[in-house]
Amino acid sequence: KVILVFTRADQVEDISSSVSDLIDSLRSEFRSRIDIVDSPFNVCARKKASVKPVAECIFNIAKDLLQGIEIYDICTQVSNNLLNYSKSTNERIITWEQFSKICNNDNKAKLNAIAMSLNESGNIIYVSGFKHIILDPNWFCNQIVGSLIGFPTSKGSSKDTIVFDKGCIPRKFLEQMFKSITKSEVCGSLLVELMGAMHLCCEVPSSSGKQIFIPAILSK
């Protein structure tokens, strides 16, 4: 499906008629491969009202293309079910088994396709191979990952300025911090593992115990 949009309509008079022969030629030559919308859009790209018909046309085309596609219908239903489940239980993370139950499906390939589709659309956070799913991406990005932005990296005697050497944090400290942020609703170790699966951090060997390397907190 192809639509033609002329964005400088405010500077050229009657663009459509001046290119009508070209449009007819393209439609005739590529009729078997593409579908060109009958009437081109003449818009002034600086004016929202002028662009609105183009946006409506694009959304209508997308709606027609997606209508009847099974994975789209399934994902829409699952997304609504997950939202209702999260609101009723106040859970932000669920297991793969819970996800399977909510989807009312135990086919691994279908479940993976649904999870990947919802992850790409931003409805959930899913990492292939990880046995948990984040139901609230905004919560994870803002409160969990966001808590690491501007993290103290200097030495000090107070608990707020524990030594974080070269971007490394004691795993136990990081787990306790996440536990405090989530008010013990989510296991701190689970969040650390999820960040590792997303390549936001990694565990490094240390003589002082398990250390988590987080590039985001490296000092300049």
Protein backbone atom coordinates (compact mmCIF):
# COMPACT_ATOMS: atom_id res chain seq x y z
CA LYS A 1 0.00 0.00 0.00
CA VAL A 2 1.54 3.32 -1.08
CA ILE A 3 0.33 6.84 -0.40
CA LEU A 4 1.77 9.93 -2.04
CA VAL A 5 2.26 13.01 0.12
CA PHE A 6 3.37 16.39 -1.19
CA THR A 7 4.62 18.38 1.77
CA ARG A 8 5.14 21.79 0.11
CA ALA A 9 1.59 22.27 -1.11
CA ASP A 10 1.58 25.76 0.33
CA GLN A 11 4.25 26.84 -2.17
CA VAL A 12 3.15 25.13 -5.38
CA GLU A 13 -0.28 25.45 -6.92
CA ASP A 14 -2.24 22.32 -7.84
CA ILE A 15 0.54 19.74 -7.41
CA SER A 16 -1.80 16.81 -8.04
CA SER A 17 -2.68 17.79 -11.59
CA SER A 18 0.94 18.52 -12.49
CA VAL A 19 2.05 15.01 -11.56
CA SER A 20 -1.11 13.09 -12.48
CA ASP A 21 0.51 11.57 -15.57
CA LEU A 22 3.44 10.33 -13.49
CA ILE A 23 1.10 8.80 -10.91
CA ASP A 24 -0.94 7.06 -13.63
CA SER A 25 2.28 5.71 -15.13
CA LEU A 26 3.48 4.35 -11.79
CA ARG A 27 0.10 2.82 -11.04
CA SER A 28 0.04 1.10 -14.43
CA GLU A 29 3.62 -0.19 -14.24
CA PHE A 30 3.52 -1.49 -10.65
CA ARG A 31 -0.15 -2.49 -10.40
CA SER A 32 0.74 -6.16 -9.78
CA ARG A 33 3.19 -5.32 -6.97
CA ILE A 34 1.90 -2.30 -5.08
CA ASP A 35 -1.38 -0.55 -4.44
CA ILE A 36 -1.15 3.21 -4.88
CA VAL A 37 -3.86 5.23 -3.16
CA ASP A 38 -6.02 7.00 -5.73
CA SER A 39 -5.62 10.59 -4.53
CA PRO A 40 -2.32 12.07 -3.30
CA PHE A 41 -2.24 14.29 -0.22
CA ASN A 42 -1.28 17.94 -0.56
CA VAL A 43 -0.18 19.22 2.83
CA CYS A 44 1.70 21.95 4.56
CA ALA A 45 3.90 19.92 6.91
CA ARG A 46 4.12 22.79 9.39
CA LYS A 47 0.37 22.74 10.08
CA LYS A 48 -1.09 19.93 12.20
CA ALA A 49 -4.55 20.25 10.70
CA SER A 50 -3.11 19.84 7.21
CA VAL A 51 -1.25 16.64 8.16
CA LYS A 52 -4.17 15.08 10.05
CA PRO A 53 -5.79 13.43 6.98
CA VAL A 54 -2.47 11.69 6.21
CA ALA A 55 -2.25 10.30 9.74
CA GLU A 56 -5.83 9.06 9.57
CA CYS A 57 -5.17 7.35 6.25
CA ILE A 58 -2.05 5.60 7.61
CA PHE A 59 -3.90 4.36 10.70
CA ASN A 60 -6.81 3.11 8.60
CA ILE A 61 -4.44 1.24 6.29
CA ALA A 62 -2.65 -0.32 9.28
CA LYS A 63 -5.98 -1.33 10.80
CA ASP A 64 -7.07 -3.01 7.56
CA LEU A 65 -3.75 -4.82 7.20
CA LEU A 66 -3.82 -6.14 10.77
CA GLN A 67 -7.46 -7.15 10.72
CA GLY A 68 -7.83 -10.89 10.85
CA ILE A 69 -4.16 -11.59 11.66
CA GLU A 70 -4.21 -14.13 14.47
CA ILE A 71 -1.10 -13.02 16.36
CA TYR A 72 -2.35 -9.41 16.46
CA ASP A 73 -5.75 -10.41 17.85
CA ILE A 74 -4.13 -12.75 20.39
CA CYS A 75 -1.60 -10.14 21.53
CA THR A 76 -4.33 -7.53 21.97
CA GLN A 77 -6.33 -9.91 24.16
CA VAL A 78 -3.28 -11.04 26.15
CA SER A 79 -2.18 -7.43 26.66
CA ASN A 80 -5.58 -6.58 28.13
CA ASN A 81 -5.51 -9.69 30.32
CA LEU A 82 -2.02 -8.82 31.63
CA LEU A 83 -3.09 -5.26 32.39
CA ASN A 84 -6.15 -6.45 34.31
CA TYR A 85 -4.07 -9.05 36.16
CA SER A 86 -1.45 -6.47 37.17
CA LYS A 87 -4.12 -4.07 38.42
CA SER A 88 -5.95 -6.72 40.43
CA THR A 89 -2.84 -8.33 41.99
CA ASN A 90 -0.45 -5.35 42.00
CA GLU A 91 2.26 -7.69 40.68
CA ARG A 92 4.94 -6.20 38.47
CA ILE A 93 6.79 -9.40 37.65
CA ILE A 94 5.32 -12.80 36.81
CA THR A 95 6.81 -16.20 36.07
CA TRP A 96 6.67 -17.89 32.70
CA GLU A 97 4.17 -20.36 34.16
CA GLN A 98 1.87 -17.50 35.22
CA PHE A 99 2.21 -15.99 31.75
CA SER A 100 1.23 -19.32 30.18
CA LYS A 101 -1.83 -19.51 32.42
CA ILE A 102 -2.93 -15.95 31.63
CA CYS A 103 -2.51 -16.69 27.91
CA ASN A 104 -4.42 -19.94 28.38
CA ASN A 105 -1.82 -21.60 26.19
CA ASP A 106 1.01 -24.03 26.90
CA ASN A 107 2.54 -24.09 23.41
CA LYS A 108 6.10 -22.86 23.94
CA ALA A 109 6.54 -21.53 20.39
CA LYS A 110 3.27 -19.56 20.49
CA LEU A 111 3.99 -18.22 23.97
CA ASN A 112 7.43 -17.06 22.86
CA ALA A 113 5.95 -15.35 19.78
CA ILE A 114 3.36 -13.56 21.92
CA ALA A 115 5.95 -12.50 24.50
CA MET A 116 8.37 -11.23 21.84
CA SER A 117 5.59 -9.29 20.09
CA LEU A 118 4.44 -7.65 23.33
CA ASN A 119 8.05 -6.88 24.23
CA GLU A 120 8.65 -5.16 20.87
CA SER A 121 5.47 -3.11 21.27
CA GLY A 122 6.58 -1.98 24.75
CA ASN A 123 3.73 -3.65 26.65
CA ILE A 124 6.06 -5.89 28.67
CA ILE A 125 9.77 -6.59 29.10
CA TYR A 126 10.72 -10.09 28.04
CA VAL A 127 14.20 -11.51 27.54
CA SER A 128 14.34 -14.81 25.68
CA GLY A 129 15.42 -17.58 28.02
CA PHE A 130 14.63 -15.60 31.18
CA LYS A 131 11.84 -17.24 33.17
CA HIS A 132 10.18 -14.02 34.33
CA ILE A 133 8.31 -11.20 32.59
CA ILE A 134 8.08 -7.54 33.62
CA LEU A 135 4.46 -6.38 33.40
CA ASP A 136 5.26 -2.71 33.98
CA PRO A 137 8.16 -1.49 31.76
CA ASN A 138 7.83 2.11 33.04
CA TRP A 139 8.29 0.96 36.64
CA PHE A 140 11.38 -1.08 35.75
CA CYS A 141 13.00 1.66 33.66
CA ASN A 142 12.21 4.55 36.01
CA GLN A 143 12.50 3.07 39.48
CA ILE A 144 14.92 0.19 39.06
CA VAL A 145 17.29 1.21 36.27
CA GLY A 146 16.67 4.89 37.02
CA SER A 147 17.87 4.40 40.61
CA LEU A 148 21.37 3.76 39.25
CA ILE A 149 21.61 7.09 37.44
CA GLY A 150 23.75 9.52 39.41
CA PHE A 151 24.77 6.74 41.76
CA PRO A 152 27.47 7.80 44.30
CA THR A 153 30.88 6.57 43.23
CA SER A 154 33.21 8.20 45.75
CA LYS A 155 34.57 6.72 48.96
CA GLY A 156 33.06 7.70 52.25
CA SER A 157 32.29 6.52 55.72
CA SER A 158 28.49 6.71 55.52
CA LYS A 159 26.29 3.96 54.17
CA ASP A 160 25.30 6.20 51.27
CA THR A 161 28.86 6.40 49.97
CA ILE A 162 30.09 2.83 50.12
CA VAL A 163 33.14 2.27 47.95
CA PHE A 164 32.12 1.46 44.37
CA ASP A 165 35.33 0.70 42.55
CA LYS A 166 35.46 1.08 38.76
CA GLY A 167 31.74 0.65 38.22
CA CYS A 168 31.41 -2.33 40.55
CA ILE A 169 28.88 -2.71 43.37
CA PRO A 170 28.72 -5.52 45.94
CA ARG A 171 25.91 -7.80 44.80
CA LYS A 172 24.47 -7.99 48.30
CA PHE A 173 24.28 -4.19 48.51
CA LEU A 174 22.55 -3.95 45.11
CA GLU A 175 20.01 -6.63 46.06
CA GLN A 176 19.23 -4.84 49.32
CA MET A 177 18.85 -1.54 47.49
CA PHE A 178 16.37 -3.04 45.01
CA LYS A 179 14.53 -4.73 47.87
CA SER A 180 14.19 -1.37 49.60
CA ILE A 181 12.97 0.37 46.41
CA THR A 182 10.31 -2.28 45.81
CA LYS A 183 9.40 -2.46 49.52
CA SER A 184 10.23 -6.19 49.48
CA GLU A 185 7.52 -6.85 46.88
CA VAL A 186 10.12 -8.08 44.39
CA CYS A 187 13.19 -10.19 45.13
CA GLY A 188 16.34 -8.10 44.74
CA SER A 189 18.35 -11.01 43.32
CA LEU A 190 15.73 -11.52 40.63
CA LEU A 191 16.10 -7.91 39.45
CA VAL A 192 19.88 -8.26 39.37
CA GLU A 193 19.55 -11.40 37.27
CA LEU A 194 17.13 -9.66 34.93
CA MET A 195 19.52 -6.75 34.45
CA GLY A 196 22.23 -9.29 33.66
CA ALA A 197 20.00 -10.99 31.09
CA MET A 198 19.41 -7.56 29.50
CA HIS A 199 23.19 -6.93 29.45
CA LEU A 200 22.83 -3.92 31.73
CA CYS A 201 25.30 -5.44 34.19
CA CYS A 202 27.40 -8.53 34.77
CA GLU A 203 28.97 -10.37 37.69
CA VAL A 204 32.73 -10.13 38.02
CA PRO A 205 35.10 -12.17 40.18
CA SER A 206 36.46 -10.42 43.27
CA SER A 207 38.38 -11.36 46.37
CA SER A 208 35.95 -9.28 48.44
CA GLY A 209 32.87 -11.24 47.41
CA LYS A 210 30.45 -11.12 44.51
CA GLN A 211 30.62 -7.84 42.62
CA ILE A 212 28.25 -6.51 39.96
CA PHE A 213 29.75 -4.39 37.19
CA ILE A 214 27.38 -1.69 35.92
CA PRO A 215 28.76 0.46 33.06
CA ALA A 216 26.18 3.18 33.75
CA ILE A 217 27.82 4.11 37.07
CA LEU A 218 31.40 4.36 35.81
CA SER A 219 32.92 7.64 36.92
CA LYS A 220 34.41 9.93 34.33
